[in-house]
N, C-alpha and C. Protein backbone atom coordinates (compact mmCIF):
# COMPACT_ATOMS: atom_id res chain seq x y z
N MET A 1 0.78 -1.35 -0.24
CA MET A 1 -0.12 -0.06 0.15
C MET A 1 1.02 1.39 -0.03
N LEU A 2 0.33 2.51 -0.73
CA LEU A 2 1.12 3.66 -0.82
C LEU A 2 0.51 4.68 0.12
N PRO A 3 1.69 5.11 0.41
CA PRO A 3 1.52 6.03 1.58
C PRO A 3 0.92 7.21 0.92
N LEU A 4 -0.20 7.81 1.98
CA LEU A 4 -1.09 9.13 1.39
C LEU A 4 -0.04 10.40 1.01
N SER A 5 -0.35 11.09 0.01
CA SER A 5 0.07 12.43 -0.12
C SER A 5 -0.13 13.41 1.14
N LEU A 6 0.33 14.62 1.34
CA LEU A 6 0.04 15.67 2.35
C LEU A 6 -1.77 15.95 1.45
N GLN A 7 -1.69 16.21 0.47
CA GLN A 7 -3.13 16.37 0.01
C GLN A 7 -4.32 15.46 0.38
N ASP A 8 -3.54 14.34 0.02
CA ASP A 8 -4.63 13.08 0.35
C ASP A 8 -5.24 13.07 1.70
N MET A 9 -3.74 13.34 2.46
CA MET A 9 -4.31 13.24 3.78
C MET A 9 -5.47 14.71 4.65
N GLU A 10 -5.13 15.61 3.69
CA GLU A 10 -5.86 16.87 4.30
C GLU A 10 -7.44 16.50 3.73
N VAL A 11 -7.67 15.83 2.55
CA VAL A 11 -9.00 15.60 2.05
C VAL A 11 -9.84 14.86 2.74
N THR A 12 -8.77 13.76 3.22
CA THR A 12 -9.42 12.70 4.30
C THR A 12 -9.66 13.60 5.88
N MET A 13 -8.78 14.21 6.12
CA MET A 13 -9.16 14.80 7.55
C MET A 13 -10.65 15.84 7.34
N LEU A 14 -10.62 16.68 6.28
CA LEU A 14 -11.68 17.37 6.12
C LEU A 14 -13.06 16.27 6.03
N LYS A 15 -12.93 15.65 5.01
CA LYS A 15 -13.86 14.26 5.24
C LYS A 15 -14.73 13.73 6.55
N GLU A 16 -13.81 13.66 7.44
CA GLU A 16 -13.41 13.25 8.74
C GLU A 16 -14.16 14.26 9.65
N GLN A 17 -13.90 15.65 9.30
CA GLN A 17 -14.25 16.61 10.12
C GLN A 17 -16.04 17.44 9.78
N THR A 18 -16.26 17.93 10.77
CA THR A 18 -17.36 18.78 10.05
C THR A 18 -17.20 20.08 9.82
N ARG A 19 -17.49 20.21 8.47
CA ARG A 19 -17.10 21.90 8.22
C ARG A 19 -17.73 22.79 8.93
N THR A 20 -16.99 23.90 8.99
CA THR A 20 -17.61 24.70 9.64
C THR A 20 -18.81 25.86 9.18
N SER A 21 -18.62 25.69 7.65
CA SER A 21 -19.49 26.24 6.90
C SER A 21 -20.69 25.77 6.78
N GLU A 22 -20.65 24.26 7.60
CA GLU A 22 -22.01 23.49 7.40
C GLU A 22 -22.21 23.51 8.62
N ILE A 23 -21.82 23.73 9.50
CA ILE A 23 -22.22 24.23 11.23
C ILE A 23 -23.14 25.41 11.41
N VAL A 24 -22.60 26.39 10.53
CA VAL A 24 -23.11 27.79 10.07
C VAL A 24 -24.63 27.51 9.22
N ARG A 25 -24.38 26.78 8.37
CA ARG A 25 -25.59 26.52 7.29
C ARG A 25 -26.96 25.85 8.37
N ARG A 26 -26.27 25.06 9.09
CA ARG A 26 -27.41 24.19 10.02
C ARG A 26 -27.67 25.07 11.30
N GLY A 27 -26.99 25.65 11.39
CA GLY A 27 -27.56 27.14 12.36
C GLY A 27 -28.82 27.68 11.85
N TRP A 28 -28.32 28.62 10.59
CA TRP A 28 -29.27 29.03 9.80
C TRP A 28 -30.62 28.40 9.79
N ASP A 29 -30.55 27.03 9.59
CA ASP A 29 -31.68 26.23 8.96
C ASP A 29 -32.72 25.95 10.27
N ALA A 30 -31.83 26.19 11.03
CA ALA A 30 -32.44 25.65 12.79
C ALA A 30 -33.42 27.19 13.02
N VAL A 31 -32.55 28.46 13.10
CA VAL A 31 -33.56 29.61 12.48
C VAL A 31 -34.59 29.83 11.92
N ALA A 32 -34.27 29.40 10.65
CA ALA A 32 -35.54 29.31 10.13
C ALA A 32 -36.85 28.01 10.64
N ARG A 33 -36.35 27.21 11.41
CA ARG A 33 -37.21 26.62 12.05
C ARG A 33 -37.88 26.86 13.17
N GLY A 34 -37.33 27.68 13.62
CA GLY A 34 -37.42 28.46 15.30
C GLY A 34 -36.90 27.09 16.40
N ASP A 35 -35.98 26.50 15.81
CA ASP A 35 -35.47 25.62 16.61
C ASP A 35 -34.04 25.95 17.27
N TRP A 36 -34.32 26.72 18.70
CA TRP A 36 -33.53 27.18 19.19
C TRP A 36 -32.49 26.43 20.08
N GLU A 37 -32.97 25.13 20.49
CA GLU A 37 -31.88 24.04 21.12
C GLU A 37 -31.21 23.62 20.38
N ALA A 38 -31.52 23.40 18.81
CA ALA A 38 -30.68 22.97 17.77
C ALA A 38 -29.45 24.05 17.56
N LEU A 39 -29.77 25.28 17.43
CA LEU A 39 -29.26 26.55 17.16
C LEU A 39 -27.81 26.27 18.61
N VAL A 40 -28.47 26.63 19.28
CA VAL A 40 -27.27 26.82 20.94
C VAL A 40 -26.54 25.66 21.08
N ALA A 41 -26.82 24.14 20.27
CA ALA A 41 -26.20 23.04 20.65
C ALA A 41 -24.64 23.49 19.84
N ASP A 42 -24.85 23.98 18.92
CA ASP A 42 -23.21 24.34 18.38
C ASP A 42 -22.61 25.74 18.75
N TYR A 43 -23.03 26.29 19.98
CA TYR A 43 -21.87 27.31 20.42
C TYR A 43 -21.22 26.73 21.72
N ILE A 44 -20.12 27.76 22.12
CA ILE A 44 -19.47 26.65 23.24
C ILE A 44 -20.32 27.69 24.39
N GLU A 45 -20.20 27.47 25.40
CA GLU A 45 -20.67 27.75 26.82
C GLU A 45 -20.26 29.44 27.05
N ASP A 46 -18.99 29.56 26.79
CA ASP A 46 -18.89 31.07 26.90
C ASP A 46 -18.84 31.86 25.73
N MET A 47 -19.68 31.54 24.89
CA MET A 47 -19.66 32.45 23.52
C MET A 47 -20.11 33.77 23.82
N VAL A 48 -19.77 34.24 22.63
CA VAL A 48 -20.24 35.89 22.69
C VAL A 48 -20.99 36.25 21.40
N PHE A 49 -21.73 36.90 21.73
CA PHE A 49 -22.76 37.47 20.48
C PHE A 49 -22.70 39.07 20.54
N VAL A 50 -22.44 39.75 19.26
CA VAL A 50 -22.33 40.89 19.27
C VAL A 50 -23.21 41.24 17.88
N MET A 51 -24.24 42.46 18.82
CA MET A 51 -25.38 42.92 17.72
C MET A 51 -24.91 44.21 16.97
N PRO A 52 -25.71 44.43 15.98
CA PRO A 52 -25.77 45.56 15.34
C PRO A 52 -25.09 46.65 15.94
N GLY A 53 -24.05 47.61 15.46
CA GLY A 53 -23.73 48.59 16.25
C GLY A 53 -23.04 48.16 17.02
N GLN A 54 -22.57 46.72 17.21
CA GLN A 54 -21.35 46.47 17.98
C GLN A 54 -21.36 46.77 19.48
N ALA A 55 -22.12 47.43 20.13
CA ALA A 55 -22.40 47.91 21.45
C ALA A 55 -22.75 46.91 22.27
N ASP A 56 -24.03 46.34 21.53
CA ASP A 56 -24.55 45.04 22.48
C ASP A 56 -24.20 43.96 22.60
N VAL A 57 -23.71 43.26 23.89
CA VAL A 57 -22.85 42.08 23.71
C VAL A 57 -23.46 40.98 24.58
N LEU A 58 -24.24 39.97 23.98
CA LEU A 58 -24.27 39.02 24.94
C LEU A 58 -23.03 37.85 25.26
N ASN A 59 -22.97 37.84 26.56
CA ASN A 59 -21.80 36.73 26.93
C ASN A 59 -22.38 35.46 27.34
N GLY A 60 -22.25 34.66 26.66
CA GLY A 60 -22.58 33.39 27.15
C GLY A 60 -23.77 32.81 26.45
N ARG A 61 -23.79 31.28 26.14
CA ARG A 61 -25.05 30.34 25.69
C ARG A 61 -26.17 31.05 26.41
N ALA A 62 -26.17 30.82 27.85
CA ALA A 62 -27.32 30.91 28.73
C ALA A 62 -28.16 32.43 28.05
N ALA A 63 -27.41 33.40 27.76
CA ALA A 63 -27.61 34.72 27.72
C ALA A 63 -28.26 34.98 26.40
N PHE A 64 -27.37 34.28 25.45
CA PHE A 64 -27.90 34.20 24.00
C PHE A 64 -29.06 33.26 23.94
N ARG A 65 -29.50 32.16 24.40
CA ARG A 65 -30.47 31.36 24.28
C ARG A 65 -31.72 32.43 25.18
N GLU A 66 -31.62 33.01 25.93
CA GLU A 66 -32.59 33.67 26.33
C GLU A 66 -33.10 35.12 25.46
N ALA A 67 -32.18 35.46 24.88
CA ALA A 67 -32.46 36.58 23.75
C ALA A 67 -33.35 35.91 22.60
N LEU A 68 -32.86 34.78 22.41
CA LEU A 68 -33.64 34.02 20.86
C LEU A 68 -35.23 34.09 21.24
N ASP A 69 -35.46 34.10 22.61
CA ASP A 69 -36.84 34.04 23.09
C ASP A 69 -37.63 35.33 22.72
N GLY A 70 -37.10 36.23 22.70
CA GLY A 70 -37.26 37.41 22.30
C GLY A 70 -36.98 37.76 20.95
N LEU A 71 -36.20 36.98 20.16
CA LEU A 71 -35.64 37.40 18.92
C LEU A 71 -36.82 38.34 18.28
N GLY A 72 -38.32 38.53 17.61
CA GLY A 72 -38.89 39.15 17.34
C GLY A 72 -38.77 40.32 17.26
N GLY A 73 -38.59 41.04 18.92
CA GLY A 73 -38.31 42.22 19.49
C GLY A 73 -36.95 42.81 19.28
N LEU A 74 -35.93 41.71 18.60
CA LEU A 74 -34.79 42.44 18.10
C LEU A 74 -34.29 42.52 16.93
N LEU A 75 -35.50 42.11 15.83
CA LEU A 75 -35.85 42.60 14.54
C LEU A 75 -36.67 43.45 14.17
N PRO A 76 -36.55 44.07 12.97
CA PRO A 76 -37.40 44.93 12.19
C PRO A 76 -38.98 44.53 12.16
N LYS A 77 -40.02 45.22 12.24
CA LYS A 77 -41.04 44.53 11.48
C LYS A 77 -41.32 44.13 10.32
N GLY A 78 -41.62 43.02 9.99
CA GLY A 78 -41.72 42.24 8.95
C GLY A 78 -40.22 41.67 8.13
N PHE A 79 -39.27 41.47 9.19
CA PHE A 79 -37.91 41.22 8.94
C PHE A 79 -38.31 39.96 8.09
N SER A 80 -37.42 39.65 7.21
CA SER A 80 -37.28 38.59 6.34
C SER A 80 -35.96 38.21 5.70
N ILE A 81 -35.21 37.13 5.63
CA ILE A 81 -34.38 36.86 4.81
C ILE A 81 -34.68 36.21 3.73
N SER A 82 -33.84 36.99 2.95
CA SER A 82 -34.19 36.31 1.05
C SER A 82 -33.09 35.43 0.80
N SER A 83 -32.10 35.59 1.41
CA SER A 83 -31.22 34.79 0.56
C SER A 83 -29.30 34.57 1.62
N ILE A 84 -28.94 33.78 1.76
CA ILE A 84 -27.72 33.50 2.76
C ILE A 84 -26.76 33.07 1.80
N ARG A 85 -25.45 33.66 1.67
CA ARG A 85 -24.61 33.02 1.08
C ARG A 85 -23.34 32.73 2.02
N GLN A 86 -22.33 31.63 2.11
CA GLN A 86 -21.49 31.64 3.07
C GLN A 86 -20.08 31.34 2.57
N ILE A 87 -19.10 32.41 3.14
CA ILE A 87 -17.51 32.62 2.92
C ILE A 87 -17.01 32.21 3.73
N GLY A 88 -16.07 31.30 3.36
CA GLY A 88 -14.75 30.93 4.21
C GLY A 88 -15.09 29.08 4.72
N GLU A 89 -14.23 28.88 5.62
CA GLU A 89 -14.06 27.68 5.87
C GLU A 89 -12.82 27.74 7.12
N GLY A 90 -13.35 26.94 8.31
CA GLY A 90 -12.08 26.46 9.12
C GLY A 90 -12.76 27.46 10.31
N PRO A 91 -11.71 28.44 10.85
CA PRO A 91 -11.88 29.27 12.18
C PRO A 91 -12.92 30.38 12.15
N GLU A 92 -12.98 30.68 10.75
CA GLU A 92 -14.05 32.30 10.60
C GLU A 92 -14.52 31.78 9.15
N VAL A 93 -15.93 31.66 9.45
CA VAL A 93 -17.06 31.69 8.23
C VAL A 93 -17.82 33.10 8.64
N VAL A 94 -17.90 34.13 7.45
CA VAL A 94 -19.06 34.67 7.02
C VAL A 94 -19.82 34.30 6.54
N SER A 95 -21.45 34.87 6.70
CA SER A 95 -22.45 35.01 5.93
C SER A 95 -23.06 35.98 5.50
N ILE A 96 -23.19 36.25 4.39
CA ILE A 96 -23.74 37.51 3.76
C ILE A 96 -25.37 37.13 3.55
N VAL A 97 -26.03 37.89 4.19
CA VAL A 97 -27.35 37.56 4.10
C VAL A 97 -28.27 39.01 3.57
N GLU A 98 -29.19 38.64 2.65
CA GLU A 98 -30.00 39.44 1.91
C GLU A 98 -31.45 39.62 2.74
N TRP A 99 -31.74 40.51 3.13
CA TRP A 99 -32.97 40.75 4.32
C TRP A 99 -33.74 41.92 3.74
N THR A 100 -34.95 41.63 3.87
CA THR A 100 -36.05 43.04 3.73
C THR A 100 -37.09 42.87 4.90
N CYS A 101 -37.70 44.09 5.10
CA CYS A 101 -38.42 44.37 6.20
C CYS A 101 -39.79 45.34 5.72
N ASP A 102 -40.52 45.72 6.49
CA ASP A 102 -41.58 46.09 6.18
C ASP A 102 -41.22 47.58 5.87
N SER A 103 -40.26 48.04 6.47
CA SER A 103 -39.83 49.83 5.84
C SER A 103 -38.79 49.78 4.97
N ILE A 104 -37.98 48.19 4.88
CA ILE A 104 -37.23 48.69 3.46
C ILE A 104 -37.53 47.42 2.44
N PRO A 105 -38.87 47.67 1.69
CA PRO A 105 -38.87 46.31 0.98
C PRO A 105 -38.11 46.25 -0.39
N GLU A 106 -37.07 46.78 -0.51
CA GLU A 106 -36.17 46.86 -1.67
C GLU A 106 -35.16 46.00 -0.99
N GLY A 107 -34.95 45.88 0.24
CA GLY A 107 -34.07 45.15 0.82
C GLY A 107 -32.78 45.66 1.38
N SER A 108 -31.79 44.98 2.25
CA SER A 108 -30.48 44.99 2.37
C SER A 108 -29.82 44.00 2.14
N GLN A 109 -28.02 44.27 3.02
CA GLN A 109 -27.37 43.07 3.25
C GLN A 109 -26.95 43.34 3.93
N LEU A 110 -26.22 42.36 5.19
CA LEU A 110 -25.75 42.54 6.48
C LEU A 110 -24.33 41.22 6.04
N ALA A 111 -23.31 41.44 7.24
CA ALA A 111 -22.79 40.03 7.14
C ALA A 111 -22.61 39.70 8.70
N VAL A 112 -22.68 38.50 8.98
CA VAL A 112 -22.46 37.96 10.26
C VAL A 112 -21.00 37.09 10.32
N LEU A 113 -20.12 37.53 11.23
CA LEU A 113 -18.73 36.64 11.11
C LEU A 113 -19.19 35.59 12.38
N PHE A 114 -19.07 34.36 12.16
CA PHE A 114 -18.93 33.29 13.05
C PHE A 114 -17.18 32.99 13.13
N ARG A 115 -16.88 32.80 14.23
CA ARG A 115 -15.42 32.37 14.66
C ARG A 115 -15.65 31.19 15.73
N PHE A 116 -14.89 30.12 15.03
CA PHE A 116 -15.09 29.01 15.81
C PHE A 116 -13.70 28.51 16.54
N ARG A 117 -13.87 27.67 17.67
CA ARG A 117 -13.00 26.76 18.44
C ARG A 117 -13.28 25.71 18.10
N GLY A 118 -12.67 24.44 17.44
CA GLY A 118 -12.73 23.32 17.10
C GLY A 118 -14.14 23.62 16.31
N ASP A 119 -14.93 22.72 16.35
CA ASP A 119 -16.29 22.61 15.54
C ASP A 119 -17.18 23.08 16.69
N LYS A 120 -17.24 23.94 17.30
CA LYS A 120 -18.45 24.96 17.93
C LYS A 120 -17.81 26.52 17.32
N VAL A 121 -19.20 27.44 17.59
CA VAL A 121 -19.33 29.01 17.55
C VAL A 121 -18.88 29.26 18.67
N ALA A 122 -17.54 30.10 18.75
CA ALA A 122 -17.36 31.08 19.66
C ALA A 122 -18.06 32.38 19.83
N GLU A 123 -17.88 33.06 18.49
CA GLU A 123 -18.28 34.27 18.89
C GLU A 123 -18.95 34.70 17.31
N GLU A 124 -20.37 35.36 17.40
CA GLU A 124 -21.03 35.61 16.47
C GLU A 124 -21.16 36.88 16.21
N ARG A 125 -20.84 37.53 15.35
CA ARG A 125 -20.77 39.21 15.13
C ARG A 125 -21.49 39.83 14.14
N TRP A 126 -22.71 40.36 13.99
CA TRP A 126 -23.22 41.29 13.21
C TRP A 126 -22.48 42.24 12.49
N PHE A 127 -22.58 42.73 11.24
CA PHE A 127 -22.09 44.14 10.43
C PHE A 127 -23.09 44.44 10.15
N VAL A 128 -24.11 45.40 10.01
CA VAL A 128 -24.83 46.18 9.53
C VAL A 128 -25.01 47.70 9.39
N ASP A 129 -25.66 48.11 8.40
CA ASP A 129 -25.47 49.82 8.25
C ASP A 129 -26.20 50.05 9.39
N THR A 130 -25.58 50.58 10.55
CA THR A 130 -26.65 50.96 11.55
C THR A 130 -27.60 51.93 11.18
N GLU A 131 -27.41 53.05 10.49
CA GLU A 131 -28.49 54.00 10.33
C GLU A 131 -29.46 53.47 9.46
N GLN A 132 -29.27 52.82 8.45
CA GLN A 132 -30.32 52.16 7.99
C GLN A 132 -30.99 51.24 8.92
N TRP A 133 -30.39 50.32 9.79
CA TRP A 133 -30.88 49.32 10.74
C TRP A 133 -32.06 49.80 11.72
N LYS A 134 -31.32 51.25 12.43
CA LYS A 134 -32.18 51.80 13.31
C LYS A 134 -33.52 52.67 12.35
N ALA A 135 -33.53 52.90 11.21
CA ALA A 135 -34.67 53.10 10.34
C ALA A 135 -35.59 52.31 9.96
N ALA A 136 -35.01 51.09 10.45
CA ALA A 136 -36.13 49.98 9.63
C ALA A 136 -36.76 49.82 11.20
N PHE A 137 -36.52 50.11 12.25
CA PHE A 137 -37.55 50.31 13.29
C PHE A 137 -38.45 51.39 13.57
């Protein structure tokens, strides 16, 4: 039997590991279903969530989970995601989210950075046009 090349070993390791972009996709699917338990299962206990404007920070999975129960109050009226695409793999994955709401029917985009420790999300940070976001409310 011939030894594996470095490239073959890397491909084998990727197949054996859960890709972080797939974890992010799984999280968006859980959000769409409203399955908060499935969502938070992919976050570490001491995770950090940074909301639009970068001033509001939730520390810890318990605080994040509690905030999810009030998600409707955190989003503009009529908020809807029309598409999501992923950029990156490994310790950082970015989602580009196209969205609309009642006051911005033409839509906009935001970016969400997911930082990983192993196969768990350690940080979720939203980047959005804060003036537009405020006007959406």
